[in-house]
């Protein structure tokens, strides 16, 4: 799986978790969904995505033969 796909899965999962936590625990969890959305938007304009850096260290890309 490419890191781009991993980032999308991570972002979508964080938003869903945030919504579930807001539903069952506290509305303050909606700030997590807002943070993820703002981070996705800023990464388009700046080219910097913290999740990309973290995932690149966890799952280094294998060289193609």
C-alpha atoms as a PDB file:
ATOM      1  CA  UNK A   1       0.000   0.000   0.000  1.00  0.00           C
ATOM      2  CA  UNK A   2       1.335   3.448  -0.869  1.00  0.00           C
ATOM      3  CA  UNK A   3       1.839   6.064   1.815  1.00  0.00           C
ATOM      4  CA  UNK A   4      -0.766   8.290   0.128  1.00  0.00           C
ATOM      5  CA  UNK A   5      -3.374   5.591   0.656  1.00  0.00           C
ATOM      6  CA  UNK A   6      -2.243   5.096   4.238  1.00  0.00           C
ATOM      7  CA  UNK A   7      -2.677   8.817   4.900  1.00  0.00           C
ATOM      8  CA  UNK A   8      -6.216   8.740   3.548  1.00  0.00           C
ATOM      9  CA  UNK A   9      -7.082   5.710   5.689  1.00  0.00           C
ATOM     10  CA  UNK A  10      -5.532   7.355   8.749  1.00  0.00           C
ATOM     11  CA  UNK A  11      -7.359  10.661   8.194  1.00  0.00           C
ATOM     12  CA  UNK A  12     -10.693   8.966   7.545  1.00  0.00           C
ATOM     13  CA  UNK A  13     -10.268   6.754  10.591  1.00  0.00           C
ATOM     14  CA  UNK A  14      -9.415   9.716  12.805  1.00  0.00           C
ATOM     15  CA  UNK A  15     -12.515  11.594  11.635  1.00  0.00           C
ATOM     16  CA  UNK A  16     -14.756   8.574  12.262  1.00  0.00           C
ATOM     17  CA  UNK A  17     -13.237   7.974  15.695  1.00  0.00           C
ATOM     18  CA  UNK A  18     -13.695  11.654  16.511  1.00  0.00           C
ATOM     19  CA  UNK A  19     -17.350  11.521  15.531  1.00  0.00           C
ATOM     20  CA  UNK A  20     -17.983   8.371  17.575  1.00  0.00           C
ATOM     21  CA  UNK A  21     -16.249   9.831  20.628  1.00  0.00           C
ATOM     22  CA  UNK A  22     -18.237  13.055  20.260  1.00  0.00           C
ATOM     23  CA  UNK A  23     -21.443  11.047  20.102  1.00  0.00           C
ATOM     24  CA  UNK A  24     -20.714   8.907  23.161  1.00  0.00           C
ATOM     25  CA  UNK A  25     -18.396  11.006  25.359  1.00  0.00           C
ATOM     26  CA  UNK A  26     -18.026  14.719  24.700  1.00  0.00           C
ATOM     27  CA  UNK A  27     -18.516  17.269  21.937  1.00  0.00           C
ATOM     28  CA  UNK A  28     -14.930  18.390  22.466  1.00  0.00           C
ATOM     29  CA  UNK A  29     -13.818  15.411  20.330  1.00  0.00           C
ATOM     30  CA  UNK A  30     -15.118  17.275  17.280  1.00  0.00           C
ATOM     31  CA  UNK A  31     -11.986  19.419  17.518  1.00  0.00           C
ATOM     32  CA  UNK A  32     -10.004  16.359  16.451  1.00  0.00           C
ATOM     33  CA  UNK A  33     -12.062  16.099  13.252  1.00  0.00           C
ATOM     34  CA  UNK A  34     -11.551  19.819  12.646  1.00  0.00           C
ATOM     35  CA  UNK A  35      -7.797  19.474  13.183  1.00  0.00           C
ATOM     36  CA  UNK A  36      -7.588  16.595  10.705  1.00  0.00           C
ATOM     37  CA  UNK A  37      -9.556  18.568   8.105  1.00  0.00           C
ATOM     38  CA  UNK A  38      -7.447  21.703   8.512  1.00  0.00           C
ATOM     39  CA  UNK A  39      -4.278  19.638   8.333  1.00  0.00           C
ATOM     40  CA  UNK A  40      -5.402  18.015   5.081  1.00  0.00           C
ATOM     41  CA  UNK A  41      -6.163  21.413   3.551  1.00  0.00           C
ATOM     42  CA  UNK A  42      -2.892  23.009   4.662  1.00  0.00           C
ATOM     43  CA  UNK A  43      -0.889  20.057   3.335  1.00  0.00           C
ATOM     44  CA  UNK A  44      -2.235  20.753  -0.151  1.00  0.00           C
ATOM     45  CA  UNK A  45      -0.903  24.320  -0.099  1.00  0.00           C
ATOM     46  CA  UNK A  46       2.323  23.837   1.846  1.00  0.00           C
ATOM     47  CA  UNK A  47       3.309  20.315   0.845  1.00  0.00           C
ATOM     48  CA  UNK A  48       3.999  19.491   4.505  1.00  0.00           C
ATOM     49  CA  UNK A  49       2.040  16.658   6.087  1.00  0.00           C
ATOM     50  CA  UNK A  50       3.117  15.416   9.536  1.00  0.00           C
ATOM     51  CA  UNK A  51       1.313  12.099   8.994  1.00  0.00           C
ATOM     52  CA  UNK A  52       3.347  11.536   5.831  1.00  0.00           C
ATOM     53  CA  UNK A  53       6.613  11.975   7.744  1.00  0.00           C
ATOM     54  CA  UNK A  54       5.510   9.605  10.507  1.00  0.00           C
ATOM     55  CA  UNK A  55       4.211   6.944   8.125  1.00  0.00           C
ATOM     56  CA  UNK A  56       7.379   7.149   6.005  1.00  0.00           C
ATOM     57  CA  UNK A  57       9.392   6.172   9.074  1.00  0.00           C
ATOM     58  CA  UNK A  58       7.036   3.381  10.079  1.00  0.00           C
ATOM     59  CA  UNK A  59       6.616   1.958   6.559  1.00  0.00           C
ATOM     60  CA  UNK A  60       9.713   2.742   4.492  1.00  0.00           C
ATOM     61  CA  UNK A  61       9.153   2.274   0.765  1.00  0.00           C
ATOM     62  CA  UNK A  62      10.896  -0.729  -0.714  1.00  0.00           C
ATOM     63  CA  UNK A  63      13.141  -0.128  -3.717  1.00  0.00           C
ATOM     64  CA  UNK A  64      11.739  -1.423  -6.983  1.00  0.00           C
ATOM     65  CA  UNK A  65      13.840  -4.170  -8.667  1.00  0.00           C
END
